[in-house]
Amino acid sequence: MAYDGVDVVHEASLTLRPGEVTVLVGPNGSGKSTLLRTLARLQRPKTATLVIDGTDGLALTPREFSRRLALLTQGRPTPSGLTVRDVVEFGRYPYRGRWGRADPDGRTAVDRALAMTGVAGLAERGAEHLSGGQLQRVWLAGCLAQETGVLLLDEPTTYLDLRYQVELLDLVRDLADDHGIAVGAVLHDLDQAAALADRIVLLDEGRIIADGRPDDVLTAERLTATYGIRIEVGTDPMTGLLRTRAIGRHHSRSERLNPTP
């Protein structure tokens, strides 16, 4: 996979399974978003195969592909002059055909997506009046209205405060557990990735260097080598979840009390 003739991702193989959350992590420029965007066909690979539901994904028409896979990108604009329902209804475009052909299942699909994301009560509110966290849920509802078996999320917690980050990731976990959706996500926060994922894929310099369970992939030695900074890994005694901590020059109490002259 390349930008302007320069290879960005090399020999990467990724499988997303129904009911499983796979999270891609790695330093900036490691190829996470490039790999995700290639899966979504927003980028054409030099040489690759893409199989979805046993079908050649690269041969599907855009409409056929959009009935199988949905992507929530970063930095979507705030819609103006549209209600929340209007925005979510955009997700039904693969089913409407040309010239806005009728979509008999559309109303039910949109209502279900609004309910699943907890924004049904906002359906008639203007989208421009929503908070960032609410709007991110609305965009996610639009993806769910596509009724696909695969959902890709590119840094879905960006710009969200702590509450909305936690709530959105809980929702993503529910989509896999309760609805059998195959989820692939890019996250920067290693603790969030460990809490959310069934599988972690760690990339560095365009290559997958580890793929497996969070505890197996996110080791102190591997993370320190990959990110170029000392990273400690432990277990939260209250939750039992993996926790990471990057150690900078001012993170040591002894160094603060006795700074190097």
C-alpha atoms as a PDB file:
ATOM      1  CA  MET A   1       0.000   0.000   0.000  1.00  0.00           C
ATOM      2  CA  ALA A   2       1.498   3.298  -1.015  1.00  0.00           C
ATOM      3  CA  TYR A   3       1.153   7.094  -1.068  1.00  0.00           C
ATOM      4  CA  ASP A   4       2.580   8.852  -4.143  1.00  0.00           C
ATOM      5  CA  GLY A   5       4.533   5.745  -5.073  1.00  0.00           C
ATOM      6  CA  VAL A   6       6.075   5.335  -1.597  1.00  0.00           C
ATOM      7  CA  ASP A   7       5.223   2.077   0.163  1.00  0.00           C
ATOM      8  CA  VAL A   8       3.541   2.708   3.513  1.00  0.00           C
ATOM      9  CA  VAL A   9       2.290  -0.738   4.550  1.00  0.00           C
ATOM     10  CA  HIS A  10       4.170  -3.906   3.638  1.00  0.00           C
ATOM     11  CA  GLU A  11       2.961  -7.514   3.562  1.00  0.00           C
ATOM     12  CA  ALA A  12       0.124  -6.915   6.028  1.00  0.00           C
ATOM     13  CA  SER A  13      -2.568  -9.540   6.504  1.00  0.00           C
ATOM     14  CA  LEU A  14      -5.600  -8.815   8.658  1.00  0.00           C
ATOM     15  CA  THR A  15      -8.719 -10.881   9.389  1.00  0.00           C
ATOM     16  CA  LEU A  16     -11.811  -9.415  11.055  1.00  0.00           C
ATOM     17  CA  ARG A  17     -14.142 -12.001  12.557  1.00  0.00           C
ATOM     18  CA  PRO A  18     -17.853 -11.692  13.463  1.00  0.00           C
ATOM     19  CA  GLY A  19     -18.385 -10.816  17.121  1.00  0.00           C
ATOM     20  CA  GLU A  20     -14.747  -9.837  17.610  1.00  0.00           C
ATOM     21  CA  VAL A  21     -13.086  -6.442  18.120  1.00  0.00           C
ATOM     22  CA  THR A  22      -9.665  -6.042  16.528  1.00  0.00           C
ATOM     23  CA  VAL A  23      -7.733  -2.886  17.424  1.00  0.00           C
ATOM     24  CA  LEU A  24      -4.769  -1.527  15.465  1.00  0.00           C
ATOM     25  CA  VAL A  25      -2.165   0.355  17.511  1.00  0.00           C
ATOM     26  CA  GLY A  26       1.268   1.778  16.841  1.00  0.00           C
ATOM     27  CA  PRO A  27       3.215   5.038  16.633  1.00  0.00           C
ATOM     28  CA  ASN A  28       2.251   7.873  14.312  1.00  0.00           C
ATOM     29  CA  GLY A  29       3.081   6.951  10.737  1.00  0.00           C
ATOM     30  CA  SER A  30       3.107   3.221  11.427  1.00  0.00           C
ATOM     31  CA  GLY A  31       0.392   2.549   8.841  1.00  0.00           C
ATOM     32  CA  LYS A  32      -2.653   1.951  11.058  1.00  0.00           C
ATOM     33  CA  SER A  33      -5.069   4.306   9.320  1.00  0.00           C
ATOM     34  CA  THR A  34      -3.654   3.438   5.897  1.00  0.00           C
ATOM     35  CA  LEU A  35      -4.412  -0.234   6.476  1.00  0.00           C
ATOM     36  CA  LEU A  36      -7.909   0.559   7.743  1.00  0.00           C
ATOM     37  CA  ARG A  37      -8.646   2.880   4.812  1.00  0.00           C
ATOM     38  CA  THR A  38      -7.441   0.237   2.386  1.00  0.00           C
ATOM     39  CA  LEU A  39      -9.864  -2.259   3.897  1.00  0.00           C
ATOM     40  CA  ALA A  40     -12.592   0.334   3.313  1.00  0.00           C
ATOM     41  CA  ARG A  41     -11.432   0.802  -0.316  1.00  0.00           C
ATOM     42  CA  LEU A  42     -10.674   4.471   0.219  1.00  0.00           C
ATOM     43  CA  GLN A  43      -7.169   3.644  -0.934  1.00  0.00           C
ATOM     44  CA  ARG A  44      -6.264   1.331  -3.758  1.00  0.00           C
ATOM     45  CA  PRO A  45      -3.431  -1.040  -2.856  1.00  0.00           C
ATOM     46  CA  LYS A  46      -0.631  -1.843  -5.272  1.00  0.00           C
ATOM     47  CA  THR A  47      -1.079  -5.549  -4.742  1.00  0.00           C
ATOM     48  CA  ALA A  48      -3.662  -7.004  -2.374  1.00  0.00           C
ATOM     49  CA  THR A  49      -6.711  -9.155  -2.021  1.00  0.00           C
ATOM     50  CA  LEU A  50      -9.801  -8.191  -0.060  1.00  0.00           C
ATOM     51  CA  VAL A  51     -12.298 -10.918   0.773  1.00  0.00           C
ATOM     52  CA  ILE A  52     -15.582 -10.027   2.443  1.00  0.00           C
ATOM     53  CA  ASP A  53     -18.292 -12.589   3.100  1.00  0.00           C
ATOM     54  CA  GLY A  54     -16.451 -14.943   0.776  1.00  0.00           C
ATOM     55  CA  THR A  55     -16.597 -12.433  -2.082  1.00  0.00           C
ATOM     56  CA  ASP A  56     -13.854 -10.490  -3.844  1.00  0.00           C
ATOM     57  CA  GLY A  57     -14.304  -7.130  -2.146  1.00  0.00           C
ATOM     58  CA  LEU A  58     -12.339  -5.263  -4.788  1.00  0.00           C
ATOM     59  CA  ALA A  59     -14.753  -6.432  -7.503  1.00  0.00           C
ATOM     60  CA  LEU A  60     -17.945  -5.283  -5.765  1.00  0.00           C
ATOM     61  CA  THR A  61     -19.719  -2.135  -6.916  1.00  0.00           C
ATOM     62  CA  PRO A  62     -19.628   0.764  -4.424  1.00  0.00           C
ATOM     63  CA  ARG A  63     -23.269   0.125  -3.542  1.00  0.00           C
ATOM     64  CA  GLU A  64     -22.718  -3.600  -3.009  1.00  0.00           C
ATOM     65  CA  PHE A  65     -19.604  -2.932  -0.935  1.00  0.00           C
ATOM     66  CA  SER A  66     -21.442  -0.402   1.256  1.00  0.00           C
ATOM     67  CA  ARG A  67     -23.998  -3.048   2.158  1.00  0.00           C
ATOM     68  CA  ARG A  68     -21.199  -5.158   3.626  1.00  0.00           C
ATOM     69  CA  LEU A  69     -18.835  -2.685   5.287  1.00  0.00           C
ATOM     70  CA  ALA A  70     -19.218   0.683   7.031  1.00  0.00           C
ATOM     71  CA  LEU A  71     -16.480   3.117   8.046  1.00  0.00           C
ATOM     72  CA  LEU A  72     -16.565   5.828  10.708  1.00  0.00           C
ATOM     73  CA  THR A  73     -13.807   8.264   9.771  1.00  0.00           C
ATOM     74  CA  GLN A  74     -12.181  10.958  11.894  1.00  0.00           C
ATOM     75  CA  GLY A  75     -13.074  14.618  11.702  1.00  0.00           C
ATOM     76  CA  ARG A  76     -16.473  14.473  10.072  1.00  0.00           C
ATOM     77  CA  PRO A  77     -18.039  17.920   9.645  1.00  0.00           C
ATOM     78  CA  THR A  78     -20.949  19.164  11.742  1.00  0.00           C
ATOM     79  CA  PRO A  79     -24.068  19.005   9.558  1.00  0.00           C
ATOM     80  CA  SER A  80     -26.052  22.234   9.325  1.00  0.00           C
ATOM     81  CA  GLY A  81     -29.790  22.455   8.721  1.00  0.00           C
ATOM     82  CA  LEU A  82     -30.331  18.722   9.237  1.00  0.00           C
ATOM     83  CA  THR A  83     -31.982  16.806  12.042  1.00  0.00           C
ATOM     84  CA  VAL A  84     -30.322  13.862  13.710  1.00  0.00           C
ATOM     85  CA  ARG A  85     -32.698  11.544  11.841  1.00  0.00           C
ATOM     86  CA  ASP A  86     -31.714  13.151   8.535  1.00  0.00           C
ATOM     87  CA  VAL A  87     -28.044  12.478   9.248  1.00  0.00           C
ATOM     88  CA  VAL A  88     -28.625   8.849  10.221  1.00  0.00           C
ATOM     89  CA  GLU A  89     -30.749   8.312   7.112  1.00  0.00           C
ATOM     90  CA  PHE A  90     -27.662   9.002   4.995  1.00  0.00           C
ATOM     91  CA  GLY A  91     -26.557   5.532   6.049  1.00  0.00           C
ATOM     92  CA  ARG A  92     -29.350   4.049   3.948  1.00  0.00           C
ATOM     93  CA  TYR A  93     -27.921   5.257   0.650  1.00  0.00           C
ATOM     94  CA  PRO A  94     -26.781   1.766  -0.473  1.00  0.00           C
ATOM     95  CA  TYR A  95     -30.391   0.601  -0.396  1.00  0.00           C
ATOM     96  CA  ARG A  96     -32.103   3.484  -2.145  1.00  0.00           C
ATOM     97  CA  GLY A  97     -30.730   2.977  -5.620  1.00  0.00           C
ATOM     98  CA  ARG A  98     -30.817   5.654  -8.264  1.00  0.00           C
ATOM     99  CA  TRP A  99     -33.034   8.720  -8.050  1.00  0.00           C
ATOM    100  CA  GLY A 100     -33.872   8.082  -4.386  1.00  0.00           C
ATOM    101  CA  ARG A 101     -35.781   4.882  -4.995  1.00  0.00           C
ATOM    102  CA  ALA A 102     -37.993   3.827  -2.070  1.00  0.00           C
ATOM    103  CA  ASP A 103     -36.329   2.034   0.830  1.00  0.00           C
ATOM    104  CA  PRO A 104     -39.105   0.037   2.553  1.00  0.00           C
ATOM    105  CA  ASP A 105     -36.858  -1.147   5.390  1.00  0.00           C
ATOM    106  CA  GLY A 106     -35.228   2.229   5.924  1.00  0.00           C
ATOM    107  CA  ARG A 107     -37.421   3.575   8.712  1.00  0.00           C
ATOM    108  CA  THR A 108     -36.991   0.435  10.804  1.00  0.00           C
ATOM    109  CA  ALA A 109     -33.225   0.376  10.253  1.00  0.00           C
ATOM    110  CA  VAL A 110     -32.836   4.050  11.200  1.00  0.00           C
ATOM    111  CA  ASP A 111     -34.997   3.669  14.319  1.00  0.00           C
ATOM    112  CA  ARG A 112     -32.943   0.661  15.373  1.00  0.00           C
ATOM    113  CA  ALA A 113     -29.662   2.524  14.839  1.00  0.00           C
ATOM    114  CA  LEU A 114     -30.905   5.532  16.816  1.00  0.00           C
ATOM    115  CA  ALA A 115     -31.915   3.262  19.699  1.00  0.00           C
ATOM    116  CA  MET A 116     -28.672   1.258  19.667  1.00  0.00           C
ATOM    117  CA  THR A 117     -26.560   4.410  19.944  1.00  0.00           C
ATOM    118  CA  GLY A 118     -28.773   6.057  22.573  1.00  0.00           C
ATOM    119  CA  VAL A 119     -29.738   9.080  20.476  1.00  0.00           C
ATOM    120  CA  ALA A 120     -33.379   8.231  19.698  1.00  0.00           C
ATOM    121  CA  GLY A 121     -34.500  11.051  21.973  1.00  0.00           C
ATOM    122  CA  LEU A 122     -32.517  13.502  19.827  1.00  0.00           C
ATOM    123  CA  ALA A 123     -33.964  12.349  16.493  1.00  0.00           C
ATOM    124  CA  GLU A 124     -35.729  15.621  15.660  1.00  0.00           C
ATOM    125  CA  ARG A 125     -33.076  17.940  17.084  1.00  0.00           C
ATOM    126  CA  GLY A 126     -30.848  19.926  14.758  1.00  0.00           C
ATOM    127  CA  ALA A 127     -27.495  18.166  14.412  1.00  0.00           C
ATOM    128  CA  GLU A 128     -25.608  21.465  14.696  1.00  0.00           C
ATOM    129  CA  HIS A 129     -26.847  21.826  18.292  1.00  0.00           C
ATOM    130  CA  LEU A 130     -25.266  18.579  19.534  1.00  0.00           C
ATOM    131  CA  SER A 131     -22.149  18.155  21.621  1.00  0.00           C
ATOM    132  CA  GLY A 132     -19.134  16.436  20.108  1.00  0.00           C
ATOM    133  CA  GLY A 133     -19.907  13.194  21.922  1.00  0.00           C
ATOM    134  CA  GLN A 134     -23.531  13.200  20.827  1.00  0.00           C
ATOM    135  CA  LEU A 135     -22.583  13.933  17.227  1.00  0.00           C
ATOM    136  CA  GLN A 136     -20.062  11.086  17.193  1.00  0.00           C
ATOM    137  CA  ARG A 137     -22.862   8.745  18.280  1.00  0.00           C
ATOM    138  CA  VAL A 138     -25.050  10.087  15.487  1.00  0.00           C
ATOM    139  CA  TRP A 139     -22.377   9.399  12.884  1.00  0.00           C
ATOM    140  CA  LEU A 140     -21.991   5.917  14.333  1.00  0.00           C
ATOM    141  CA  ALA A 141     -25.759   5.455  14.085  1.00  0.00           C
ATOM    142  CA  GLY A 142     -25.496   6.325  10.398  1.00  0.00           C
ATOM    143  CA  CYS A 143     -22.944   3.526   9.991  1.00  0.00           C
ATOM    144  CA  LEU A 144     -25.224   1.093  11.807  1.00  0.00           C
ATOM    145  CA  ALA A 145     -28.143   2.085   9.582  1.00  0.00           C
ATOM    146  CA  GLN A 146     -26.125   0.604   6.697  1.00  0.00           C
ATOM    147  CA  GLU A 147     -26.754  -2.785   8.338  1.00  0.00           C
ATOM    148  CA  THR A 148     -23.331  -4.165   7.502  1.00  0.00           C
ATOM    149  CA  GLY A 149     -21.551  -7.082   9.099  1.00  0.00           C
ATOM    150  CA  VAL A 150     -18.245  -5.198   9.282  1.00  0.00           C
ATOM    151  CA  LEU A 151     -17.630  -1.867  11.006  1.00  0.00           C
ATOM    152  CA  LEU A 152     -14.358   0.070  10.798  1.00  0.00           C
ATOM    153  CA  LEU A 153     -13.575   2.928  13.185  1.00  0.00           C
ATOM    154  CA  ASP A 154     -10.652   5.315  12.636  1.00  0.00           C
ATOM    155  CA  GLU A 155      -9.733   6.877  15.996  1.00  0.00           C
ATOM    156  CA  PRO A 156     -13.381   7.140  17.115  1.00  0.00           C
ATOM    157  CA  THR A 157     -12.574   8.760  20.494  1.00  0.00           C
ATOM    158  CA  THR A 158     -10.677  11.740  19.044  1.00  0.00           C
ATOM    159  CA  TYR A 159     -11.919  15.084  20.484  1.00  0.00           C
ATOM    160  CA  LEU A 160     -14.267  13.356  22.956  1.00  0.00           C
ATOM    161  CA  ASP A 161     -14.129  13.967  26.689  1.00  0.00           C
ATOM    162  CA  LEU A 162     -13.540  11.055  29.051  1.00  0.00           C
ATOM    163  CA  ARG A 163     -17.209  10.203  29.593  1.00  0.00           C
ATOM    164  CA  TYR A 164     -18.033  10.039  25.893  1.00  0.00           C
ATOM    165  CA  GLN A 165     -14.878   8.054  25.155  1.00  0.00           C
ATOM    166  CA  VAL A 166     -15.902   5.395  27.667  1.00  0.00           C
ATOM    167  CA  GLU A 167     -19.532   5.338  26.529  1.00  0.00           C
ATOM    168  CA  LEU A 168     -18.636   5.061  22.858  1.00  0.00           C
ATOM    169  CA  LEU A 169     -16.170   2.220  23.452  1.00  0.00           C
ATOM    170  CA  ASP A 170     -18.757   0.410  25.606  1.00  0.00           C
ATOM    171  CA  LEU A 171     -21.170   0.717  22.691  1.00  0.00           C
ATOM    172  CA  VAL A 172     -18.592  -0.699  20.273  1.00  0.00           C
ATOM    173  CA  ARG A 173     -18.078  -3.658  22.603  1.00  0.00           C
ATOM    174  CA  ASP A 174     -21.875  -4.201  22.665  1.00  0.00           C
ATOM    175  CA  LEU A 175     -22.022  -4.195  18.863  1.00  0.00           C
ATOM    176  CA  ALA A 176     -19.594  -7.098  18.745  1.00  0.00           C
ATOM    177  CA  ASP A 177     -20.982  -9.034  21.714  1.00  0.00           C
ATOM    178  CA  ASP A 178     -24.718  -8.561  21.185  1.00  0.00           C
ATOM    179  CA  HIS A 179     -24.997  -8.100  17.413  1.00  0.00           C
ATOM    180  CA  GLY A 180     -22.138 -10.181  16.068  1.00  0.00           C
ATOM    181  CA  ILE A 181     -20.521  -7.327  14.149  1.00  0.00           C
ATOM    182  CA  ALA A 182     -16.890  -7.688  13.094  1.00  0.00           C
ATOM    183  CA  VAL A 183     -15.180  -4.513  14.346  1.00  0.00           C
ATOM    184  CA  GLY A 184     -11.819  -3.124  13.295  1.00  0.00           C
ATOM    185  CA  ALA A 185     -10.617   0.047  15.018  1.00  0.00           C
ATOM    186  CA  VAL A 186      -7.585   2.310  15.186  1.00  0.00           C
ATOM    187  CA  LEU A 187      -6.821   3.667  18.661  1.00  0.00           C
ATOM    188  CA  HIS A 188      -3.889   5.593  20.109  1.00  0.00           C
ATOM    189  CA  ASP A 189      -4.693   4.960  23.779  1.00  0.00           C
ATOM    190  CA  LEU A 190      -3.130   1.610  24.660  1.00  0.00           C
ATOM    191  CA  ASP A 191      -5.211   1.169  27.817  1.00  0.00           C
ATOM    192  CA  GLN A 192      -8.436   1.719  25.873  1.00  0.00           C
ATOM    193  CA  ALA A 193      -7.239  -0.721  23.240  1.00  0.00           C
ATOM    194  CA  ALA A 194      -6.458  -3.375  25.847  1.00  0.00           C
ATOM    195  CA  ALA A 195      -9.852  -2.953  27.523  1.00  0.00           C
ATOM    196  CA  LEU A 196     -11.818  -3.039  24.265  1.00  0.00           C
ATOM    197  CA  ALA A 197     -10.059  -5.538  22.040  1.00  0.00           C
ATOM    198  CA  ASP A 198     -10.244  -9.265  21.628  1.00  0.00           C
ATOM    199  CA  ARG A 199      -7.164  -8.917  19.404  1.00  0.00           C
ATOM    200  CA  ILE A 200      -4.464  -6.273  19.188  1.00  0.00           C
ATOM    201  CA  VAL A 201      -2.489  -5.684  15.993  1.00  0.00           C
ATOM    202  CA  LEU A 202       0.704  -3.697  16.628  1.00  0.00           C
ATOM    203  CA  LEU A 203       2.263  -1.934  13.636  1.00  0.00           C
ATOM    204  CA  ASP A 204       5.577  -0.184  13.235  1.00  0.00           C
ATOM    205  CA  GLU A 205       7.065   1.331  10.081  1.00  0.00           C
ATOM    206  CA  GLY A 206       4.336  -0.143   7.931  1.00  0.00           C
ATOM    207  CA  ARG A 207       4.639  -3.716   9.160  1.00  0.00           C
ATOM    208  CA  ILE A 208       2.614  -5.829  11.553  1.00  0.00           C
ATOM    209  CA  ILE A 209       5.048  -6.833  14.284  1.00  0.00           C
ATOM    210  CA  ALA A 210       2.586  -8.561  16.625  1.00  0.00           C
ATOM    211  CA  ASP A 211      -0.992  -9.844  16.399  1.00  0.00           C
ATOM    212  CA  GLY A 212      -2.780 -11.568  19.258  1.00  0.00           C
ATOM    213  CA  ARG A 213      -4.406 -11.186  22.644  1.00  0.00           C
ATOM    214  CA  PRO A 214      -3.782  -7.843  24.385  1.00  0.00           C
ATOM    215  CA  ASP A 215      -1.713  -9.424  27.176  1.00  0.00           C
ATOM    216  CA  ASP A 216       0.486 -11.195  24.645  1.00  0.00           C
ATOM    217  CA  VAL A 217       1.041  -8.217  22.332  1.00  0.00           C
ATOM    218  CA  LEU A 218       1.310  -5.301  24.761  1.00  0.00           C
ATOM    219  CA  THR A 219       4.460  -6.245  26.634  1.00  0.00           C
ATOM    220  CA  ALA A 220       6.801  -3.684  28.166  1.00  0.00           C
ATOM    221  CA  GLU A 221       9.757  -4.845  26.073  1.00  0.00           C
ATOM    222  CA  ARG A 222       7.863  -4.751  22.775  1.00  0.00           C
ATOM    223  CA  LEU A 223       6.148  -1.413  23.429  1.00  0.00           C
ATOM    224  CA  THR A 224       9.360   0.244  24.583  1.00  0.00           C
ATOM    225  CA  ALA A 225      11.123  -0.867  21.403  1.00  0.00           C
ATOM    226  CA  THR A 226       8.218   0.144  19.159  1.00  0.00           C
ATOM    227  CA  TYR A 227       7.471   3.583  20.611  1.00  0.00           C
ATOM    228  CA  GLY A 228      11.054   4.533  21.450  1.00  0.00           C
ATOM    229  CA  ILE A 229      10.243   5.453  25.039  1.00  0.00           C
ATOM    230  CA  ARG A 230      10.242   3.411  28.221  1.00  0.00           C
ATOM    231  CA  ILE A 231       6.775   1.934  28.753  1.00  0.00           C
ATOM    232  CA  GLU A 232       5.805  -0.029  31.840  1.00  0.00           C
ATOM    233  CA  VAL A 233       3.001  -2.582  31.732  1.00  0.00           C
ATOM    234  CA  GLY A 234       1.001  -3.843  34.687  1.00  0.00           C
ATOM    235  CA  THR A 235      -2.432  -4.935  35.807  1.00  0.00           C
ATOM    236  CA  ASP A 236      -5.018  -2.707  37.458  1.00  0.00           C
ATOM    237  CA  PRO A 237      -5.740  -4.355  40.845  1.00  0.00           C
ATOM    238  CA  MET A 238      -9.383  -3.234  40.817  1.00  0.00           C
ATOM    239  CA  THR A 239     -10.396  -4.217  37.271  1.00  0.00           C
ATOM    240  CA  GLY A 240      -7.797  -6.799  36.324  1.00  0.00           C
ATOM    241  CA  LEU A 241      -7.252  -4.913  33.059  1.00  0.00           C
ATOM    242  CA  LEU A 242      -3.867  -4.277  31.521  1.00  0.00           C
ATOM    243  CA  ARG A 243      -2.430  -0.817  32.193  1.00  0.00           C
ATOM    244  CA  THR A 244       0.482   0.923  30.467  1.00  0.00           C
ATOM    245  CA  ARG A 245       2.553   3.923  31.484  1.00  0.00           C
ATOM    246  CA  ALA A 246       5.059   5.809  29.391  1.00  0.00           C
ATOM    247  CA  ILE A 247       7.920   7.079  31.533  1.00  0.00           C
ATOM    248  CA  GLY A 248       9.247  10.512  30.617  1.00  0.00           C
ATOM    249  CA  ARG A 249      12.146  12.476  32.097  1.00  0.00           C
ATOM    250  CA  HIS A 250       9.960  14.077  34.771  1.00  0.00           C
ATOM    251  CA  HIS A 251       7.932  11.005  35.776  1.00  0.00           C
ATOM    252  CA  SER A 252      10.381   9.793  38.383  1.00  0.00           C
ATOM    253  CA  ARG A 253       9.963  11.251  41.874  1.00  0.00           C
ATOM    254  CA  SER A 254      13.679  10.886  42.560  1.00  0.00           C
ATOM    255  CA  GLU A 255      14.516  12.777  39.367  1.00  0.00           C
ATOM    256  CA  ARG A 256      12.166  15.608  40.354  1.00  0.00           C
ATOM    257  CA  LEU A 257      13.673  15.861  43.809  1.00  0.00           C
ATOM    258  CA  ASN A 258      17.252  15.541  42.562  1.00  0.00           C
ATOM    259  CA  PRO A 259      17.346  16.995  39.058  1.00  0.00           C
ATOM    260  CA  THR A 260      20.426  16.456  36.972  1.00  0.00           C
ATOM    261  CA  PRO A 261      22.473  19.696  36.911  1.00  0.00           C
END
